[in-house]
Amino acid sequence: MKIVPLEELIFGIAFVAVFVILQLPKKDIDGNSVPTVVFTDKPSLFHGFLLALNFAFTGAVMTISLRERYPKIARYCRGLAVVSIVGAVGVLVWLALLSSTCMGHVSNLNNYTYIS
């Protein structure tokens, strides 16, 4: 059984994630399409996720392209891909924490009346 190189795994994950995002139902928020399934009312997290996914994809493609001829540069590109995919997963974990706890309602704290 052959082990898949890390950059090829990141490339595959980023590629599939983009096509999954394209299939999700979307809502326009401030002129931007935001998926309603995962990123409901959180367009900034969605943009952060897309940015991290874009860097992960770019780093993986550059690593695959440069790994034989320029291994030192490819190593830096692989690092970019790894850090970026960790950032994308971090955004998804943050969303999971926001939706599973009351942290998703922190913006509504200003509407409460405090009795002292």
Protein backbone atom coordinates (compact mmCIF):
# COMPACT_ATOMS: atom_id res chain seq x y z
CA MET A 1 0.00 0.00 0.00
CA LYS A 2 1.48 3.32 -1.11
CA ILE A 3 1.35 6.29 1.24
CA VAL A 4 -0.05 9.43 -0.37
CA PRO A 5 2.21 12.49 -0.04
CA LEU A 6 0.84 15.20 2.22
CA GLU A 7 0.63 17.81 -0.53
CA GLU A 8 -1.48 15.50 -2.70
CA LEU A 9 -3.82 14.86 0.23
CA ILE A 10 -4.20 18.59 0.88
CA PHE A 11 -4.78 19.17 -2.84
CA GLY A 12 -7.57 16.58 -2.84
CA ILE A 13 -9.21 17.91 0.32
CA ALA A 14 -9.17 21.50 -0.94
CA PHE A 15 -10.45 20.47 -4.37
CA VAL A 16 -13.37 18.49 -2.93
CA ALA A 17 -14.17 21.20 -0.37
CA VAL A 18 -14.57 23.81 -3.11
CA PHE A 19 -17.00 21.63 -5.04
CA VAL A 20 -18.97 20.90 -1.87
CA ILE A 21 -19.20 24.64 -1.15
CA LEU A 22 -20.48 25.24 -4.68
CA GLN A 23 -23.33 22.76 -4.09
CA LEU A 24 -24.51 24.27 -0.78
CA PRO A 25 -27.53 26.59 -0.73
CA LYS A 26 -26.48 30.21 -0.46
CA LYS A 27 -27.87 33.50 0.80
CA ASP A 28 -26.73 36.98 -0.25
CA ILE A 29 -25.29 38.95 2.68
CA ASP A 30 -23.98 42.42 1.79
CA GLY A 31 -23.65 41.42 -1.84
CA ASN A 32 -21.72 38.21 -1.11
CA SER A 33 -23.06 34.67 -1.45
CA VAL A 34 -22.63 32.83 1.85
CA PRO A 35 -23.62 29.16 2.35
CA THR A 36 -26.53 28.92 4.77
CA VAL A 37 -25.77 25.40 5.95
CA VAL A 38 -22.54 26.01 7.81
CA PHE A 39 -21.80 29.74 7.72
CA THR A 40 -25.21 31.17 8.58
CA ASP A 41 -24.87 34.90 9.33
CA LYS A 42 -21.07 34.58 9.57
CA PRO A 43 -19.73 35.88 6.26
CA SER A 44 -16.36 36.88 7.73
CA LEU A 45 -15.70 33.30 8.86
CA PHE A 46 -16.72 32.07 5.43
CA HIS A 47 -14.27 34.46 3.77
CA GLY A 48 -11.53 33.37 6.17
CA PHE A 49 -12.28 29.73 5.36
CA LEU A 50 -12.12 30.41 1.61
CA LEU A 51 -8.87 32.33 1.96
CA ALA A 52 -7.25 29.52 3.96
CA LEU A 53 -8.55 26.95 1.48
CA ASN A 54 -7.16 28.98 -1.41
CA PHE A 55 -3.70 29.20 0.19
CA ALA A 56 -3.78 25.47 0.99
CA PHE A 57 -4.67 24.61 -2.59
CA THR A 58 -2.04 26.97 -4.02
CA GLY A 59 0.67 25.68 -1.68
CA ALA A 60 -0.16 22.07 -2.53
CA VAL A 61 -0.14 22.68 -6.30
CA MET A 62 3.14 24.56 -6.09
CA THR A 63 4.67 21.78 -4.00
CA ILE A 64 3.58 19.13 -6.50
CA SER A 65 4.99 21.22 -9.35
CA LEU A 66 8.32 22.06 -7.72
CA ARG A 67 9.17 19.06 -5.52
CA GLU A 68 11.53 17.31 -7.95
CA ARG A 69 13.34 20.27 -9.45
CA TYR A 70 13.40 22.69 -6.51
CA PRO A 71 12.97 20.67 -3.30
CA LYS A 72 13.89 23.55 -0.97
CA ILE A 73 11.23 25.87 -2.42
CA ALA A 74 8.77 22.97 -2.46
CA ARG A 75 9.36 22.48 1.26
CA TYR A 76 8.28 26.09 1.94
CA CYS A 77 5.23 25.66 -0.27
CA ARG A 78 4.32 22.48 1.60
CA GLY A 79 4.58 24.42 4.85
CA LEU A 80 2.22 27.05 3.45
CA ALA A 81 -0.23 24.32 2.44
CA VAL A 82 -0.12 22.64 5.85
CA VAL A 83 -0.52 25.87 7.83
CA SER A 84 -3.38 26.97 5.58
CA ILE A 85 -5.30 23.69 5.76
CA VAL A 86 -4.91 23.76 9.55
CA GLY A 87 -6.34 27.29 9.47
CA ALA A 88 -9.30 26.15 7.36
CA VAL A 89 -10.00 23.27 9.76
CA GLY A 90 -9.62 25.74 12.64
CA VAL A 91 -12.36 27.93 11.15
CA LEU A 92 -14.66 24.89 10.90
CA VAL A 93 -13.89 23.90 14.51
CA TRP A 94 -14.56 27.50 15.61
CA LEU A 95 -17.93 27.37 13.82
CA ALA A 96 -18.74 24.07 15.51
CA LEU A 97 -17.94 25.60 18.90
CA LEU A 98 -20.02 28.68 18.13
CA SER A 99 -23.03 26.65 17.11
CA SER A 100 -22.80 24.13 19.95
CA THR A 101 -22.48 26.68 22.76
CA CYS A 102 -24.10 29.96 23.61
CA MET A 103 -21.12 31.78 22.06
CA GLY A 104 -23.14 32.18 18.88
CA HIS A 105 -25.41 34.60 20.72
CA VAL A 106 -22.68 36.84 22.12
CA SER A 107 -23.67 39.61 19.72
CA ASN A 108 -27.11 39.71 21.38
CA LEU A 109 -25.67 40.59 24.80
CA ASN A 110 -26.26 44.29 24.20
CA ASN A 111 -30.01 43.68 24.07
CA TYR A 112 -30.19 42.37 27.63
CA THR A 113 -31.03 44.50 30.62
CA TYR A 114 -28.77 43.92 33.59
CA ILE A 115 -30.09 44.33 37.11
CA SER A 116 -27.51 45.31 39.69
